[in-house]
Amino acid sequence: SLNVHTWNQRETYLHVMHNEREVVILYAQPSDRSIMQSQSLMLQ
């Protein structure tokens, strides 16, 4: 699981990587307010 805090007026764009492969994305659009954003997954 990944949890982040966004920045005001800025985009939030991250990837959870398995070796060199992008598995899931954590994304938040620019906003006047900052928010908490999370992503979770299971891997073998």
PDB file of all heavy atoms in Angstrom:
ATOM      1  N   SER A   1       0.853  -1.196   0.000  1.00  0.00           N
ATOM      2  CA  SER A   1       0.000   0.000   0.000  1.00  0.00           C
ATOM      3  C   SER A   1       0.890   1.249   0.000  1.00  0.00           C
ATOM      4  O   SER A   1       1.949   1.273   0.623  1.00  0.00           O
ATOM      5  CB  SER A   1      -0.933   0.019   1.218  1.00  0.00           C
ATOM      6  OG  SER A   1      -0.178   0.119   2.413  1.00  0.00           O
ATOM      7  N   LEU A   2       0.429   2.288  -0.729  1.00  0.00           N
ATOM      8  CA  LEU A   2       1.159   3.558  -0.846  1.00  0.00           C
ATOM      9  C   LEU A   2       0.198   4.703  -0.505  1.00  0.00           C
ATOM     10  O   LEU A   2      -0.920   4.769  -1.030  1.00  0.00           O
ATOM     11  CB  LEU A   2       1.690   3.737  -2.268  1.00  0.00           C
ATOM     12  CG  LEU A   2       2.363   5.065  -2.587  1.00  0.00           C
ATOM     13  CD1 LEU A   2       3.627   5.261  -1.749  1.00  0.00           C
ATOM     14  CD2 LEU A   2       2.691   5.159  -4.073  1.00  0.00           C
ATOM     15  N   ASN A   3       0.656   5.599   0.371  1.00  0.00           N
ATOM     16  CA  ASN A   3      -0.149   6.761   0.762  1.00  0.00           C
ATOM     17  C   ASN A   3       0.706   8.024   0.592  1.00  0.00           C
ATOM     18  O   ASN A   3       1.862   8.069   1.054  1.00  0.00           O
ATOM     19  CB  ASN A   3      -0.594   6.649   2.224  1.00  0.00           C
ATOM     20  CG  ASN A   3      -1.459   5.423   2.477  1.00  0.00           C
ATOM     21  OD1 ASN A   3      -2.636   5.412   2.189  1.00  0.00           O
ATOM     22  ND2 ASN A   3      -0.828   4.375   3.019  1.00  0.00           N
ATOM     23  N   VAL A   4       0.133   9.053  -0.054  1.00  0.00           N
ATOM     24  CA  VAL A   4       0.844  10.324  -0.275  1.00  0.00           C
ATOM     25  C   VAL A   4      -0.111  11.493   0.002  1.00  0.00           C
ATOM     26  O   VAL A   4      -1.343  11.315   0.080  1.00  0.00           O
ATOM     27  CB  VAL A   4       1.388  10.422  -1.714  1.00  0.00           C
ATOM     28  CG1 VAL A   4       2.378   9.297  -1.989  1.00  0.00           C
ATOM     29  CG2 VAL A   4       0.257  10.408  -2.733  1.00  0.00           C
ATOM     30  N   HIS A   5       0.517  12.676   0.104  1.00  0.00           N
ATOM     31  CA  HIS A   5      -0.240  13.929   0.282  1.00  0.00           C
ATOM     32  C   HIS A   5       0.035  14.798  -0.934  1.00  0.00           C
ATOM     33  O   HIS A   5       1.184  15.062  -1.272  1.00  0.00           O
ATOM     34  CB  HIS A   5       0.189  14.651   1.577  1.00  0.00           C
ATOM     35  CG  HIS A   5      -0.675  15.788   1.966  1.00  0.00           C
ATOM     36  ND1 HIS A   5      -0.531  17.056   1.414  1.00  0.00           N
ATOM     37  CD2 HIS A   5      -1.715  15.863   2.844  1.00  0.00           C
ATOM     38  CE1 HIS A   5      -1.421  17.856   1.948  1.00  0.00           C
ATOM     39  NE2 HIS A   5      -2.156  17.163   2.816  1.00  0.00           N
ATOM     40  N   THR A   6      -1.056  15.242  -1.600  1.00  0.00           N
ATOM     41  CA  THR A   6      -0.884  16.063  -2.816  1.00  0.00           C
ATOM     42  C   THR A   6      -0.441  17.485  -2.456  1.00  0.00           C
ATOM     43  O   THR A   6      -0.566  17.922  -1.303  1.00  0.00           O
ATOM     44  CB  THR A   6      -2.197  16.096  -3.608  1.00  0.00           C
ATOM     45  OG1 THR A   6      -3.195  16.761  -2.820  1.00  0.00           O
ATOM     46  CG2 THR A   6      -2.645  14.687  -3.980  1.00  0.00           C
ATOM     47  N   TRP A   7       0.042  18.188  -3.540  1.00  0.00           N
ATOM     48  CA  TRP A   7       0.486  19.578  -3.387  1.00  0.00           C
ATOM     49  C   TRP A   7      -0.525  20.471  -4.092  1.00  0.00           C
ATOM     50  O   TRP A   7      -1.004  20.155  -5.166  1.00  0.00           O
ATOM     51  CB  TRP A   7       1.870  19.735  -4.030  1.00  0.00           C
ATOM     52  CG  TRP A   7       2.641  20.925  -3.554  1.00  0.00           C
ATOM     53  CD1 TRP A   7       2.179  22.189  -3.388  1.00  0.00           C
ATOM     54  CD2 TRP A   7       4.006  20.962  -3.196  1.00  0.00           C
ATOM     55  NE1 TRP A   7       3.149  23.035  -2.946  1.00  0.00           N
ATOM     56  CE2 TRP A   7       4.308  22.292  -2.804  1.00  0.00           C
ATOM     57  CE3 TRP A   7       5.039  20.002  -3.133  1.00  0.00           C
ATOM     58  CZ2 TRP A   7       5.577  22.708  -2.393  1.00  0.00           C
ATOM     59  CZ3 TRP A   7       6.300  20.427  -2.725  1.00  0.00           C
ATOM     60  CH2 TRP A   7       6.570  21.733  -2.345  1.00  0.00           C
ATOM     61  N   ASN A   8      -0.805  21.662  -3.455  1.00  0.00           N
ATOM     62  CA  ASN A   8      -1.775  22.578  -4.050  1.00  0.00           C
ATOM     63  C   ASN A   8      -1.340  23.001  -5.444  1.00  0.00           C
ATOM     64  O   ASN A   8      -0.170  23.314  -5.679  1.00  0.00           O
ATOM     65  CB  ASN A   8      -1.950  23.829  -3.179  1.00  0.00           C
ATOM     66  CG  ASN A   8      -2.581  23.491  -1.824  1.00  0.00           C
ATOM     67  OD1 ASN A   8      -3.121  22.411  -1.647  1.00  0.00           O
ATOM     68  ND2 ASN A   8      -2.502  24.435  -0.894  1.00  0.00           N
ATOM     69  N   GLN A   9      -2.307  22.998  -6.361  1.00  0.00           N
ATOM     70  CA  GLN A   9      -2.117  23.457  -7.731  1.00  0.00           C
ATOM     71  C   GLN A   9      -1.110  22.623  -8.524  1.00  0.00           C
ATOM     72  O   GLN A   9      -0.646  23.074  -9.574  1.00  0.00           O
ATOM     73  CB  GLN A   9      -1.684  24.944  -7.742  1.00  0.00           C
ATOM     74  CG  GLN A   9      -2.648  25.906  -7.048  1.00  0.00           C
ATOM     75  CD  GLN A   9      -4.011  25.921  -7.701  1.00  0.00           C
ATOM     76  OE1 GLN A   9      -4.156  25.754  -8.920  1.00  0.00           O
ATOM     77  NE2 GLN A   9      -5.039  26.112  -6.893  1.00  0.00           N
ATOM     78  N   ARG A  10      -0.812  21.442  -8.025  1.00  0.00           N
ATOM     79  CA  ARG A  10       0.135  20.577  -8.738  1.00  0.00           C
ATOM     80  C   ARG A  10      -0.473  19.171  -8.912  1.00  0.00           C
ATOM     81  O   ARG A  10      -1.274  18.721  -8.091  1.00  0.00           O
ATOM     82  CB  ARG A  10       1.467  20.490  -8.015  1.00  0.00           C
ATOM     83  CG  ARG A  10       2.240  21.814  -8.049  1.00  0.00           C
ATOM     84  CD  ARG A  10       3.650  21.633  -7.578  1.00  0.00           C
ATOM     85  NE  ARG A  10       4.377  22.902  -7.647  1.00  0.00           N
ATOM     86  CZ  ARG A  10       5.667  23.032  -7.379  1.00  0.00           C
ATOM     87  NH1 ARG A  10       6.363  21.950  -7.023  1.00  0.00           N
ATOM     88  NH2 ARG A  10       6.262  24.218  -7.451  1.00  0.00           N
ATOM     89  N   GLU A  11      -0.003  18.536  -9.958  1.00  0.00           N
ATOM     90  CA  GLU A  11      -0.468  17.184 -10.272  1.00  0.00           C
ATOM     91  C   GLU A  11       0.336  16.167  -9.456  1.00  0.00           C
ATOM     92  O   GLU A  11       1.522  16.376  -9.167  1.00  0.00           O
ATOM     93  CB  GLU A  11      -0.303  16.929 -11.777  1.00  0.00           C
ATOM     94  CG  GLU A  11      -0.953  15.663 -12.280  1.00  0.00           C
ATOM     95  CD  GLU A  11      -0.778  15.523 -13.793  1.00  0.00           C
ATOM     96  OE1 GLU A  11       0.284  15.927 -14.295  1.00  0.00           O
ATOM     97  OE2 GLU A  11      -1.692  15.028 -14.451  1.00  0.00           O
ATOM     98  N   THR A  12      -0.298  15.051  -9.107  1.00  0.00           N
ATOM     99  CA  THR A  12       0.379  13.950  -8.395  1.00  0.00           C
ATOM    100  C   THR A  12       0.350  12.729  -9.307  1.00  0.00           C
ATOM    101  O   THR A  12      -0.734  12.263  -9.686  1.00  0.00           O
ATOM    102  CB  THR A  12      -0.312  13.640  -7.064  1.00  0.00           C
ATOM    103  OG1 THR A  12      -0.336  14.830  -6.253  1.00  0.00           O
ATOM    104  CG2 THR A  12       0.406  12.518  -6.339  1.00  0.00           C
ATOM    105  N   TYR A  13       1.553  12.232  -9.622  1.00  0.00           N
ATOM    106  CA  TYR A  13       1.644  11.156 -10.632  1.00  0.00           C
ATOM    107  C   TYR A  13       2.799  10.217 -10.241  1.00  0.00           C
ATOM    108  O   TYR A  13       3.963  10.558 -10.433  1.00  0.00           O
ATOM    109  CB  TYR A  13       1.880  11.794 -11.995  1.00  0.00           C
ATOM    110  CG  TYR A  13       1.674  10.866 -13.188  1.00  0.00           C
ATOM    111  CD1 TYR A  13       1.789  11.379 -14.479  1.00  0.00           C
ATOM    112  CD2 TYR A  13       1.378   9.526 -13.039  1.00  0.00           C
ATOM    113  CE1 TYR A  13       1.609  10.571 -15.598  1.00  0.00           C
ATOM    114  CE2 TYR A  13       1.201   8.717 -14.131  1.00  0.00           C
ATOM    115  CZ  TYR A  13       1.312   9.236 -15.408  1.00  0.00           C
ATOM    116  OH  TYR A  13       1.127   8.432 -16.502  1.00  0.00           O
ATOM    117  N   LEU A  14       2.458   9.056  -9.700  1.00  0.00           N
ATOM    118  CA  LEU A  14       3.461   8.078  -9.277  1.00  0.00           C
ATOM    119  C   LEU A  14       3.073   6.682  -9.788  1.00  0.00           C
ATOM    120  O   LEU A  14       1.901   6.415 -10.051  1.00  0.00           O
ATOM    121  CB  LEU A  14       3.609   8.034  -7.755  1.00  0.00           C
ATOM    122  CG  LEU A  14       4.029   9.317  -7.032  1.00  0.00           C
ATOM    123  CD1 LEU A  14       2.822  10.009  -6.466  1.00  0.00           C
ATOM    124  CD2 LEU A  14       5.041   9.011  -5.929  1.00  0.00           C
ATOM    125  N   HIS A  15       4.075   5.800  -9.867  1.00  0.00           N
ATOM    126  CA  HIS A  15       3.861   4.393 -10.242  1.00  0.00           C
ATOM    127  C   HIS A  15       4.441   3.482  -9.151  1.00  0.00           C
ATOM    128  O   HIS A  15       5.523   3.753  -8.610  1.00  0.00           O
ATOM    129  CB  HIS A  15       4.559   4.056 -11.564  1.00  0.00           C
ATOM    130  CG  HIS A  15       3.859   4.609 -12.773  1.00  0.00           C
ATOM    131  ND1 HIS A  15       4.381   5.616 -13.545  1.00  0.00           N
ATOM    132  CD2 HIS A  15       2.665   4.282 -13.331  1.00  0.00           C
ATOM    133  CE1 HIS A  15       3.569   5.905 -14.532  1.00  0.00           C
ATOM    134  NE2 HIS A  15       2.509   5.100 -14.429  1.00  0.00           N
ATOM    135  N   VAL A  16       3.730   2.380  -8.853  1.00  0.00           N
ATOM    136  CA  VAL A  16       4.298   1.284  -8.063  1.00  0.00           C
ATOM    137  C   VAL A  16       4.902   0.309  -9.048  1.00  0.00           C
ATOM    138  O   VAL A  16       4.202  -0.189  -9.943  1.00  0.00           O
ATOM    139  CB  VAL A  16       3.240   0.614  -7.172  1.00  0.00           C
ATOM    140  CG1 VAL A  16       3.862  -0.563  -6.409  1.00  0.00           C
ATOM    141  CG2 VAL A  16       2.626   1.616  -6.212  1.00  0.00           C
ATOM    142  N   MET A  17       6.193   0.011  -8.902  1.00  0.00           N
ATOM    143  CA  MET A  17       6.953  -0.770  -9.879  1.00  0.00           C
ATOM    144  C   MET A  17       7.227  -2.190  -9.358  1.00  0.00           C
ATOM    145  O   MET A  17       7.531  -2.372  -8.158  1.00  0.00           O
ATOM    146  CB  MET A  17       8.274  -0.072 -10.191  1.00  0.00           C
ATOM    147  CG  MET A  17       8.155   1.382 -10.586  1.00  0.00           C
ATOM    148  SD  MET A  17       7.392   1.595 -12.207  1.00  0.00           S
ATOM    149  CE  MET A  17       8.656   0.869 -13.262  1.00  0.00           C
ATOM    150  N   HIS A  18       7.108  -3.148 -10.255  1.00  0.00           N
ATOM    151  CA  HIS A  18       7.538  -4.536  -9.987  1.00  0.00           C
ATOM    152  C   HIS A  18       8.724  -4.802 -10.898  1.00  0.00           C
ATOM    153  O   HIS A  18       8.539  -4.960 -12.104  1.00  0.00           O
ATOM    154  CB  HIS A  18       6.397  -5.514 -10.246  1.00  0.00           C
ATOM    155  CG  HIS A  18       6.786  -6.946 -10.033  1.00  0.00           C
ATOM    156  ND1 HIS A  18       6.052  -7.991 -10.548  1.00  0.00           N
ATOM    157  CD2 HIS A  18       7.826  -7.522  -9.362  1.00  0.00           C
ATOM    158  CE1 HIS A  18       6.610  -9.138 -10.214  1.00  0.00           C
ATOM    159  NE2 HIS A  18       7.702  -8.879  -9.493  1.00  0.00           N
ATOM    160  N   ASN A  19       9.906  -4.835 -10.310  1.00  0.00           N
ATOM    161  CA  ASN A  19      11.167  -4.842 -11.069  1.00  0.00           C
ATOM    162  C   ASN A  19      11.179  -3.575 -11.950  1.00  0.00           C
ATOM    163  O   ASN A  19      11.157  -2.479 -11.421  1.00  0.00           O
ATOM    164  CB  ASN A  19      11.311  -6.134 -11.868  1.00  0.00           C
ATOM    165  CG  ASN A  19      11.433  -7.358 -10.951  1.00  0.00           C
ATOM    166  OD1 ASN A  19      11.987  -7.263  -9.855  1.00  0.00           O
ATOM    167  ND2 ASN A  19      10.927  -8.495 -11.391  1.00  0.00           N
ATOM    168  N   GLU A  20      11.184  -3.687 -13.264  1.00  0.00           N
ATOM    169  CA  GLU A  20      11.175  -2.505 -14.135  1.00  0.00           C
ATOM    170  C   GLU A  20       9.837  -2.334 -14.840  1.00  0.00           C
ATOM    171  O   GLU A  20       9.730  -1.611 -15.823  1.00  0.00           O
ATOM    172  CB  GLU A  20      12.303  -2.628 -15.185  1.00  0.00           C
ATOM    173  CG  GLU A  20      13.691  -2.728 -14.591  1.00  0.00           C
ATOM    174  CD  GLU A  20      14.044  -1.540 -13.700  1.00  0.00           C
ATOM    175  OE1 GLU A  20      13.651  -0.394 -14.065  1.00  0.00           O
ATOM    176  OE2 GLU A  20      14.682  -1.728 -12.660  1.00  0.00           O
ATOM    177  N   ARG A  21       8.798  -2.949 -14.305  1.00  0.00           N
ATOM    178  CA  ARG A  21       7.479  -2.892 -14.932  1.00  0.00           C
ATOM    179  C   ARG A  21       6.537  -2.059 -14.087  1.00  0.00           C
ATOM    180  O   ARG A  21       6.468  -2.219 -12.862  1.00  0.00           O
ATOM    181  CB  ARG A  21       6.929  -4.317 -15.106  1.00  0.00           C
ATOM    182  CG  ARG A  21       5.546  -4.402 -15.709  1.00  0.00           C
ATOM    183  CD  ARG A  21       5.195  -5.861 -15.987  1.00  0.00           C
ATOM    184  NE  ARG A  21       5.132  -6.637 -14.758  1.00  0.00           N
ATOM    185  CZ  ARG A  21       4.017  -6.809 -14.043  1.00  0.00           C
ATOM    186  NH1 ARG A  21       2.890  -6.236 -14.448  1.00  0.00           N
ATOM    187  NH2 ARG A  21       4.051  -7.545 -12.958  1.00  0.00           N
ATOM    188  N   GLU A  22       5.797  -1.163 -14.734  1.00  0.00           N
ATOM    189  CA  GLU A  22       4.794  -0.353 -14.052  1.00  0.00           C
ATOM    190  C   GLU A  22       3.580  -1.213 -13.760  1.00  0.00           C
ATOM    191  O   GLU A  22       2.982  -1.799 -14.660  1.00  0.00           O
ATOM    192  CB  GLU A  22       4.397   0.846 -14.924  1.00  0.00           C
ATOM    193  CG  GLU A  22       5.559   1.756 -15.268  1.00  0.00           C
ATOM    194  CD  GLU A  22       5.168   2.759 -16.339  1.00  0.00           C
ATOM    195  OE1 GLU A  22       4.014   2.668 -16.843  1.00  0.00           O
ATOM    196  OE2 GLU A  22       6.001   3.617 -16.679  1.00  0.00           O
ATOM    197  N   VAL A  23       3.185  -1.299 -12.506  1.00  0.00           N
ATOM    198  CA  VAL A  23       2.070  -2.173 -12.115  1.00  0.00           C
ATOM    199  C   VAL A  23       0.799  -1.346 -11.910  1.00  0.00           C
ATOM    200  O   VAL A  23      -0.217  -1.605 -12.557  1.00  0.00           O
ATOM    201  CB  VAL A  23       2.416  -2.981 -10.855  1.00  0.00           C
ATOM    202  CG1 VAL A  23       1.268  -3.920 -10.491  1.00  0.00           C
ATOM    203  CG2 VAL A  23       3.696  -3.756 -11.041  1.00  0.00           C
ATOM    204  N   VAL A  24       0.837  -0.364 -11.024  1.00  0.00           N
ATOM    205  CA  VAL A  24      -0.338   0.485 -10.763  1.00  0.00           C
ATOM    206  C   VAL A  24       0.121   1.942 -10.702  1.00  0.00           C
ATOM    207  O   VAL A  24       1.305   2.253 -10.512  1.00  0.00           O
ATOM    208  CB  VAL A  24      -1.059   0.111  -9.449  1.00  0.00           C
ATOM    209  CG1 VAL A  24      -1.672  -1.273  -9.546  1.00  0.00           C
ATOM    210  CG2 VAL A  24      -0.114   0.214  -8.267  1.00  0.00           C
ATOM    211  N   ILE A  25      -0.834   2.857 -10.841  1.00  0.00           N
ATOM    212  CA  ILE A  25      -0.567   4.291 -10.807  1.00  0.00           C
ATOM    213  C   ILE A  25      -1.320   4.926  -9.639  1.00  0.00           C
ATOM    214  O   ILE A  25      -2.424   4.489  -9.291  1.00  0.00           O
ATOM    215  CB  ILE A  25      -0.982   4.950 -12.135  1.00  0.00           C
ATOM    216  CG1 ILE A  25      -0.566   6.432 -12.156  1.00  0.00           C
ATOM    217  CG2 ILE A  25      -2.469   4.791 -12.385  1.00  0.00           C
ATOM    218  CD1 ILE A  25      -0.828   7.092 -13.489  1.00  0.00           C
ATOM    219  N   LEU A  26      -0.709   5.912  -9.040  1.00  0.00           N
ATOM    220  CA  LEU A  26      -1.378   6.757  -8.051  1.00  0.00           C
ATOM    221  C   LEU A  26      -1.424   8.158  -8.646  1.00  0.00           C
ATOM    222  O   LEU A  26      -0.377   8.775  -8.909  1.00  0.00           O
ATOM    223  CB  LEU A  26      -0.628   6.756  -6.720  1.00  0.00           C
ATOM    224  CG  LEU A  26      -1.324   7.438  -5.534  1.00  0.00           C
ATOM    225  CD1 LEU A  26      -0.878   6.804  -4.221  1.00  0.00           C
ATOM    226  CD2 LEU A  26      -1.038   8.942  -5.500  1.00  0.00           C
ATOM    227  N   TYR A  27      -2.647   8.672  -8.825  1.00  0.00           N
ATOM    228  CA  TYR A  27      -2.783   9.934  -9.559  1.00  0.00           C
ATOM    229  C   TYR A  27      -3.810  10.832  -8.864  1.00  0.00           C
ATOM    230  O   TYR A  27      -4.822  10.333  -8.350  1.00  0.00           O
ATOM    231  CB  TYR A  27      -3.226   9.669 -10.991  1.00  0.00           C
ATOM    232  CG  TYR A  27      -3.410  10.912 -11.808  1.00  0.00           C
ATOM    233  CD1 TYR A  27      -2.321  11.591 -12.339  1.00  0.00           C
ATOM    234  CD2 TYR A  27      -4.698  11.409 -12.051  1.00  0.00           C
ATOM    235  CE1 TYR A  27      -2.495  12.739 -13.101  1.00  0.00           C
ATOM    236  CE2 TYR A  27      -4.881  12.552 -12.811  1.00  0.00           C
ATOM    237  CZ  TYR A  27      -3.773  13.212 -13.329  1.00  0.00           C
ATOM    238  OH  TYR A  27      -3.956  14.366 -14.073  1.00  0.00           O
ATOM    239  N   ALA A  28      -3.507  12.144  -8.898  1.00  0.00           N
ATOM    240  CA  ALA A  28      -4.454  13.161  -8.416  1.00  0.00           C
ATOM    241  C   ALA A  28      -4.298  14.407  -9.292  1.00  0.00           C
ATOM    242  O   ALA A  28      -3.182  14.848  -9.592  1.00  0.00           O
ATOM    243  CB  ALA A  28      -4.195  13.492  -6.961  1.00  0.00           C
ATOM    244  N   GLN A  29      -5.410  15.003  -9.725  1.00  0.00           N
ATOM    245  CA  GLN A  29      -5.392  16.208 -10.559  1.00  0.00           C
ATOM    246  C   GLN A  29      -5.029  17.441  -9.712  1.00  0.00           C
ATOM    247  O   GLN A  29      -5.211  17.455  -8.487  1.00  0.00           O
ATOM    248  CB  GLN A  29      -6.756  16.405 -11.204  1.00  0.00           C
ATOM    249  CG  GLN A  29      -7.125  15.345 -12.226  1.00  0.00           C
ATOM    250  CD  GLN A  29      -8.479  15.591 -12.838  1.00  0.00           C
ATOM    251  OE1 GLN A  29      -9.274  16.394 -12.305  1.00  0.00           O
ATOM    252  NE2 GLN A  29      -8.761  14.935 -13.954  1.00  0.00           N
ATOM    253  N   PRO A  30      -4.539  18.477 -10.390  1.00  0.00           N
ATOM    254  CA  PRO A  30      -4.265  19.732  -9.657  1.00  0.00           C
ATOM    255  C   PRO A  30      -5.538  20.283  -9.011  1.00  0.00           C
ATOM    256  O   PRO A  30      -6.630  20.217  -9.583  1.00  0.00           O
ATOM    257  CB  PRO A  30      -3.747  20.671 -10.742  1.00  0.00           C
ATOM    258  CG  PRO A  30      -3.260  19.777 -11.814  1.00  0.00           C
ATOM    259  CD  PRO A  30      -4.158  18.581 -11.800  1.00  0.00           C
ATOM    260  N   SER A  31      -5.378  20.817  -7.817  1.00  0.00           N
ATOM    261  CA  SER A  31      -6.531  21.329  -7.080  1.00  0.00           C
ATOM    262  C   SER A  31      -6.082  22.440  -6.149  1.00  0.00           C
ATOM    263  O   SER A  31      -4.893  22.550  -5.800  1.00  0.00           O
ATOM    264  CB  SER A  31      -7.186  20.200  -6.291  1.00  0.00           C
ATOM    265  OG  SER A  31      -8.230  20.686  -5.486  1.00  0.00           O
ATOM    266  N   ASP A  32      -7.070  23.281  -5.747  1.00  0.00           N
ATOM    267  CA  ASP A  32      -6.756  24.346  -4.797  1.00  0.00           C
ATOM    268  C   ASP A  32      -6.496  23.792  -3.413  1.00  0.00           C
ATOM    269  O   ASP A  32      -5.881  24.475  -2.573  1.00  0.00           O
ATOM    270  CB  ASP A  32      -7.909  25.359  -4.750  1.00  0.00           C
ATOM    271  CG  ASP A  32      -8.093  26.097  -6.073  1.00  0.00           C
ATOM    272  OD1 ASP A  32      -7.107  26.153  -6.847  1.00  0.00           O
ATOM    273  OD2 ASP A  32      -9.219  26.541  -6.339  1.00  0.00           O
ATOM    274  N   ARG A  33      -6.962  22.598  -3.181  1.00  0.00           N
ATOM    275  CA  ARG A  33      -6.770  22.002  -1.862  1.00  0.00           C
ATOM    276  C   ARG A  33      -5.901  20.750  -1.981  1.00  0.00           C
ATOM    277  O   ARG A  33      -6.014  20.005  -2.961  1.00  0.00           O
ATOM    278  CB  ARG A  33      -8.106  21.621  -1.245  1.00  0.00           C
ATOM    279  CG  ARG A  33      -9.016  22.818  -0.914  1.00  0.00           C
ATOM    280  CD  ARG A  33     -10.276  22.341  -0.225  1.00  0.00           C
ATOM    281  NE  ARG A  33     -10.991  21.343  -1.016  1.00  0.00           N
ATOM    282  CZ  ARG A  33     -12.014  20.619  -0.552  1.00  0.00           C
ATOM    283  NH1 ARG A  33     -12.419  20.778   0.691  1.00  0.00           N
ATOM    284  NH2 ARG A  33     -12.614  19.755  -1.336  1.00  0.00           N
ATOM    285  N   SER A  34      -5.068  20.524  -1.012  1.00  0.00           N
ATOM    286  CA  SER A  34      -4.269  19.299  -0.966  1.00  0.00           C
ATOM    287  C   SER A  34      -5.077  18.204  -0.268  1.00  0.00           C
ATOM    288  O   SER A  34      -5.819  18.475   0.676  1.00  0.00           O
ATOM    289  CB  SER A  34      -2.953  19.551  -0.228  1.00  0.00           C
ATOM    290  OG  SER A  34      -3.214  19.971   1.093  1.00  0.00           O
ATOM    291  N   ILE A  35      -4.912  16.953  -0.747  1.00  0.00           N
ATOM    292  CA  ILE A  35      -5.654  15.816  -0.192  1.00  0.00           C
ATOM    293  C   ILE A  35      -4.706  14.626   0.002  1.00  0.00           C
ATOM    294  O   ILE A  35      -3.584  14.587  -0.548  1.00  0.00           O
ATOM    295  CB  ILE A  35      -6.809  15.394  -1.127  1.00  0.00           C
ATOM    296  CG1 ILE A  35      -6.269  15.009  -2.512  1.00  0.00           C
ATOM    297  CG2 ILE A  35      -7.855  16.502  -1.200  1.00  0.00           C
ATOM    298  CD1 ILE A  35      -7.310  14.436  -3.441  1.00  0.00           C
ATOM    299  N   MET A  36      -5.176  13.650   0.782  1.00  0.00           N
ATOM    300  CA  MET A  36      -4.454  12.385   0.928  1.00  0.00           C
ATOM    301  C   MET A  36      -4.942  11.426  -0.158  1.00  0.00           C
ATOM    302  O   MET A  36      -6.136  11.285  -0.389  1.00  0.00           O
ATOM    303  CB  MET A  36      -4.696  11.763   2.297  1.00  0.00           C
ATOM    304  CG  MET A  36      -4.093  12.562   3.454  1.00  0.00           C
ATOM    305  SD  MET A  36      -2.301  12.636   3.407  1.00  0.00           S
ATOM    306  CE  MET A  36      -1.868  10.926   3.553  1.00  0.00           C
ATOM    307  N   GLN A  37      -3.991  10.785  -0.847  1.00  0.00           N
ATOM    308  CA  GLN A  37      -4.303   9.855  -1.934  1.00  0.00           C
ATOM    309  C   GLN A  37      -3.600   8.525  -1.641  1.00  0.00           C
ATOM    310  O   GLN A  37      -2.463   8.515  -1.126  1.00  0.00           O
ATOM    311  CB  GLN A  37      -3.840  10.433  -3.272  1.00  0.00           C
ATOM    312  CG  GLN A  37      -4.409   9.780  -4.477  1.00  0.00           C
ATOM    313  CD  GLN A  37      -5.846  10.228  -4.767  1.00  0.00           C
ATOM    314  OE1 GLN A  37      -6.460  10.942  -3.974  1.00  0.00           O
ATOM    315  NE2 GLN A  37      -6.389   9.808  -5.897  1.00  0.00           N
ATOM    316  N   SER A  38      -4.261   7.408  -1.937  1.00  0.00           N
ATOM    317  CA  SER A  38      -3.675   6.097  -1.611  1.00  0.00           C
ATOM    318  C   SER A  38      -3.900   5.111  -2.755  1.00  0.00           C
ATOM    319  O   SER A  38      -4.781   5.296  -3.589  1.00  0.00           O
ATOM    320  CB  SER A  38      -4.266   5.545  -0.312  1.00  0.00           C
ATOM    321  OG  SER A  38      -5.642   5.273  -0.476  1.00  0.00           O
ATOM    322  N   GLN A  39      -3.089   4.069  -2.751  1.00  0.00           N
ATOM    323  CA  GLN A  39      -3.177   2.970  -3.717  1.00  0.00           C
ATOM    324  C   GLN A  39      -2.685   1.693  -3.033  1.00  0.00           C
ATOM    325  O   GLN A  39      -1.768   1.727  -2.198  1.00  0.00           O
ATOM    326  CB  GLN A  39      -2.324   3.265  -4.950  1.00  0.00           C
ATOM    327  CG  GLN A  39      -2.346   2.206  -6.030  1.00  0.00           C
ATOM    328  CD  GLN A  39      -3.710   2.047  -6.672  1.00  0.00           C
ATOM    329  OE1 GLN A  39      -4.575   1.393  -6.109  1.00  0.00           O
ATOM    330  NE2 GLN A  39      -3.905   2.671  -7.840  1.00  0.00           N
ATOM    331  N   SER A  40      -3.328   0.556  -3.348  1.00  0.00           N
ATOM    332  CA  SER A  40      -2.927  -0.726  -2.744  1.00  0.00           C
ATOM    333  C   SER A  40      -3.044  -1.822  -3.790  1.00  0.00           C
ATOM    334  O   SER A  40      -3.811  -1.712  -4.758  1.00  0.00           O
ATOM    335  CB  SER A  40      -3.795  -1.049  -1.522  1.00  0.00           C
ATOM    336  OG  SER A  40      -5.153  -1.156  -1.901  1.00  0.00           O
ATOM    337  N   LEU A  41      -2.309  -2.914  -3.582  1.00  0.00           N
ATOM    338  CA  LEU A  41      -2.299  -4.034  -4.530  1.00  0.00           C
ATOM    339  C   LEU A  41      -1.672  -5.261  -3.881  1.00  0.00           C
ATOM    340  O   LEU A  41      -1.032  -5.152  -2.812  1.00  0.00           O
ATOM    341  CB  LEU A  41      -1.524  -3.673  -5.794  1.00  0.00           C
ATOM    342  CG  LEU A  41       0.010  -3.580  -5.672  1.00  0.00           C
ATOM    343  CD1 LEU A  41       0.645  -3.743  -7.037  1.00  0.00           C
ATOM    344  CD2 LEU A  41       0.438  -2.279  -5.032  1.00  0.00           C
ATOM    345  N   MET A  42      -1.837  -6.418  -4.555  1.00  0.00           N
ATOM    346  CA  MET A  42      -1.152  -7.655  -4.159  1.00  0.00           C
ATOM    347  C   MET A  42      -0.345  -8.158  -5.337  1.00  0.00           C
ATOM    348  O   MET A  42      -0.790  -8.084  -6.489  1.00  0.00           O
ATOM    349  CB  MET A  42      -2.152  -8.736  -3.717  1.00  0.00           C
ATOM    350  CG  MET A  42      -2.783  -8.470  -2.366  1.00  0.00           C
ATOM    351  SD  MET A  42      -3.634  -9.918  -1.684  1.00  0.00           S
ATOM    352  CE  MET A  42      -4.874 -10.216  -2.930  1.00  0.00           C
ATOM    353  N   LEU A  43       0.843  -8.708  -5.046  1.00  0.00           N
ATOM    354  CA  LEU A  43       1.739  -9.224  -6.084  1.00  0.00           C
ATOM    355  C   LEU A  43       2.269 -10.585  -5.665  1.00  0.00           C
ATOM    356  O   LEU A  43       2.500 -10.832  -4.463  1.00  0.00           O
ATOM    357  CB  LEU A  43       2.919  -8.268  -6.311  1.00  0.00           C
ATOM    358  CG  LEU A  43       2.615  -6.915  -6.947  1.00  0.00           C
ATOM    359  CD1 LEU A  43       3.880  -6.052  -6.950  1.00  0.00           C
ATOM    360  CD2 LEU A  43       2.106  -7.093  -8.368  1.00  0.00           C
ATOM    361  N   GLN A  44       2.466 -11.452  -6.667  1.00  0.00           N
ATOM    362  CA  GLN A  44       3.152 -12.717  -6.424  1.00  0.00           C
ATOM    363  C   GLN A  44       4.605 -12.550  -6.829  1.00  0.00           C
ATOM    364  O   GLN A  44       4.906 -12.310  -8.006  1.00  0.00           O
ATOM    365  CB  GLN A  44       2.509 -13.860  -7.209  1.00  0.00           C
ATOM    366  CG  GLN A  44       3.158 -15.215  -6.923  1.00  0.00           C
ATOM    367  CD  GLN A  44       2.361 -16.373  -7.510  1.00  0.00           C
ATOM    368  OE1 GLN A  44       1.228 -16.179  -7.963  1.00  0.00           O
ATOM    369  NE2 GLN A  44       2.940 -17.556  -7.494  1.00  0.00           N
TER     370      GLN A  44
END
